[in-house]
Amino acid sequence: MAKIIKIEDNMVSIGMPDGSIKVVHRTALDFEPHVRDEVDVFGTDEAPVILKTKNTYAQTAKPVNKIAYCLLAFFLGGLGIHKFYAGKTGLGILYLLFCWTFIPGFIALIEFIIGLTKPADDNGNIIL
């Protein structure tokens, strides 16, 4: 992955993956460059095209309805029902196994408060 390493006046220095440095005019970029931006370099030396890479992160959590999750966490959280609802079956089973100790109930109360304070999206969902 190429990276912007220096910006001087209208010239941008880009460190290439092979260790070389490519210097291009600022007009070859369609974004405002910053040092350490990761970029993709295409084209020839005469007509380079520099695109900023988009950082994408894999979403490991599932969106759930905020109201339903909070109600389940408050009323049935000691049994782990809110974990099953959120798609975390392993944790739900763990809550069921230890529900007799009341520890999952205390944890569920904390998760209820966390669920209440998380901002919901336009559909009323939160990411857990």
Protein backbone atom coordinates (compact mmCIF):
# COMPACT_ATOMS: atom_id res chain seq x y z
CA MET A 1 0.00 0.00 0.00
CA ALA A 2 1.42 3.37 -1.02
CA LYS A 3 1.55 6.15 1.56
CA ILE A 4 1.88 9.93 1.36
CA ILE A 5 5.17 10.79 3.07
CA LYS A 6 5.71 14.48 2.31
CA ILE A 7 3.75 17.48 1.01
CA GLU A 8 5.60 20.57 -0.21
CA ASP A 9 3.86 23.41 -2.05
CA ASN A 10 2.08 21.73 -4.98
CA MET A 11 4.12 18.51 -4.95
CA VAL A 12 3.22 15.35 -3.05
CA SER A 13 5.76 12.59 -2.33
CA ILE A 14 4.32 9.09 -2.19
CA GLY A 15 6.22 6.13 -0.76
CA MET A 16 5.57 3.08 -2.92
CA PRO A 17 5.41 -0.51 -1.58
CA ASP A 18 8.69 -1.40 -3.33
CA GLY A 19 10.53 1.35 -1.42
CA SER A 20 10.66 3.87 -4.25
CA ILE A 21 9.29 7.39 -4.01
CA LYS A 22 6.94 8.87 -6.58
CA VAL A 23 6.51 12.65 -6.72
CA VAL A 24 3.26 13.88 -8.27
CA HIS A 25 1.57 17.24 -8.69
CA ARG A 26 -1.19 17.97 -6.20
CA THR A 27 -3.74 18.18 -9.05
CA ALA A 28 -3.36 14.41 -9.60
CA LEU A 29 -5.16 13.88 -6.30
CA ASP A 30 -8.92 14.26 -6.03
CA PHE A 31 -8.80 14.76 -2.25
CA GLU A 32 -6.99 16.94 0.29
CA PRO A 33 -3.75 15.03 1.00
CA HIS A 34 -2.34 14.53 4.49
CA VAL A 35 0.91 12.90 5.52
CA ARG A 36 0.43 9.15 6.25
CA ASP A 37 -2.71 8.87 4.07
CA GLU A 38 -2.82 5.48 2.37
CA VAL A 39 -3.35 5.78 -1.38
CA ASP A 40 -3.62 3.66 -4.52
CA VAL A 41 -1.48 4.80 -7.46
CA PHE A 42 -2.63 4.11 -11.02
CA GLY A 43 -1.67 5.32 -14.48
CA THR A 44 1.65 6.34 -15.98
CA ASP A 45 4.28 8.81 -14.83
CA GLU A 46 2.86 11.39 -17.24
CA ALA A 47 -0.77 10.95 -16.14
CA PRO A 48 -0.94 9.46 -12.63
CA VAL A 49 -4.22 8.88 -10.84
CA ILE A 50 -4.02 8.84 -7.05
CA LEU A 51 -7.00 7.58 -5.05
CA LYS A 52 -7.30 7.60 -1.28
CA THR A 53 -8.02 4.15 0.11
CA LYS A 54 -11.09 3.72 2.23
CA ASN A 55 -10.60 2.04 5.59
CA THR A 56 -13.26 -0.60 5.96
CA TYR A 57 -13.75 -2.54 9.12
CA ALA A 58 -15.57 -5.82 9.33
CA GLN A 59 -18.64 -5.47 11.48
CA THR A 60 -18.65 -8.38 13.90
CA ALA A 61 -21.65 -7.20 15.87
CA LYS A 62 -25.27 -7.38 14.84
CA PRO A 63 -27.77 -4.51 14.94
CA VAL A 64 -30.65 -5.11 17.35
CA ASN A 65 -33.68 -3.07 18.33
CA LYS A 66 -32.71 -0.84 21.25
CA ILE A 67 -36.04 -1.03 23.08
CA ALA A 68 -36.37 -4.80 22.77
CA TYR A 69 -32.76 -5.38 23.86
CA CYS A 70 -33.07 -3.09 26.89
CA LEU A 71 -36.37 -4.63 28.00
CA LEU A 72 -34.95 -8.15 27.66
CA ALA A 73 -31.77 -7.16 29.52
CA PHE A 74 -33.75 -5.60 32.37
CA PHE A 75 -36.43 -8.25 32.86
CA LEU A 76 -34.80 -11.48 31.61
CA GLY A 77 -31.13 -10.54 31.56
CA GLY A 78 -30.24 -12.82 34.45
CA LEU A 79 -31.13 -15.74 32.18
CA GLY A 80 -29.20 -14.32 29.24
CA ILE A 81 -32.22 -13.88 26.96
CA HIS A 82 -30.89 -10.53 25.72
CA LYS A 83 -27.69 -12.30 24.62
CA PHE A 84 -29.67 -14.83 22.58
CA TYR A 85 -31.60 -11.91 21.03
CA ALA A 86 -28.31 -10.20 20.11
CA GLY A 87 -27.09 -13.37 18.38
CA LYS A 88 -24.50 -14.22 21.03
CA THR A 89 -25.63 -17.78 21.72
CA GLY A 90 -22.47 -18.84 23.57
CA LEU A 91 -22.80 -16.01 26.08
CA GLY A 92 -26.51 -16.74 26.42
CA ILE A 93 -25.74 -20.33 27.38
CA LEU A 94 -23.08 -19.11 29.83
CA TYR A 95 -25.64 -16.80 31.46
CA LEU A 96 -28.08 -19.72 31.74
CA LEU A 97 -25.45 -21.95 33.35
CA PHE A 98 -24.59 -19.36 36.00
CA CYS A 99 -28.01 -17.75 36.52
CA TRP A 100 -28.30 -19.38 39.96
CA THR A 101 -25.37 -17.23 41.20
CA PHE A 102 -27.18 -13.97 40.33
CA ILE A 103 -23.92 -12.68 38.81
CA PRO A 104 -25.41 -12.67 35.29
CA GLY A 105 -28.25 -10.56 36.69
CA PHE A 106 -25.84 -7.86 37.85
CA ILE A 107 -23.99 -7.95 34.53
CA ALA A 108 -27.31 -7.75 32.67
CA LEU A 109 -28.22 -4.66 34.69
CA ILE A 110 -24.97 -3.01 33.57
CA GLU A 111 -25.66 -4.07 29.96
CA PHE A 112 -29.15 -2.61 30.28
CA ILE A 113 -27.63 0.76 31.24
CA ILE A 114 -25.09 0.52 28.41
CA GLY A 115 -27.90 -0.28 25.98
CA LEU A 116 -29.87 2.75 27.16
CA THR A 117 -26.93 5.10 26.69
CA LYS A 118 -25.98 3.86 23.19
CA PRO A 119 -27.34 6.11 20.44
CA ALA A 120 -29.81 4.40 18.13
CA ASP A 121 -29.77 4.76 14.35
CA ASP A 122 -32.73 5.98 12.29
CA ASN A 123 -34.42 2.57 12.57
CA GLY A 124 -34.06 2.42 16.36
CA ASN A 125 -31.25 -0.16 16.24
CA ILE A 126 -28.02 -0.28 18.21
CA ILE A 127 -24.86 -2.21 17.34
CA LEU A 128 -23.70 -4.67 19.99
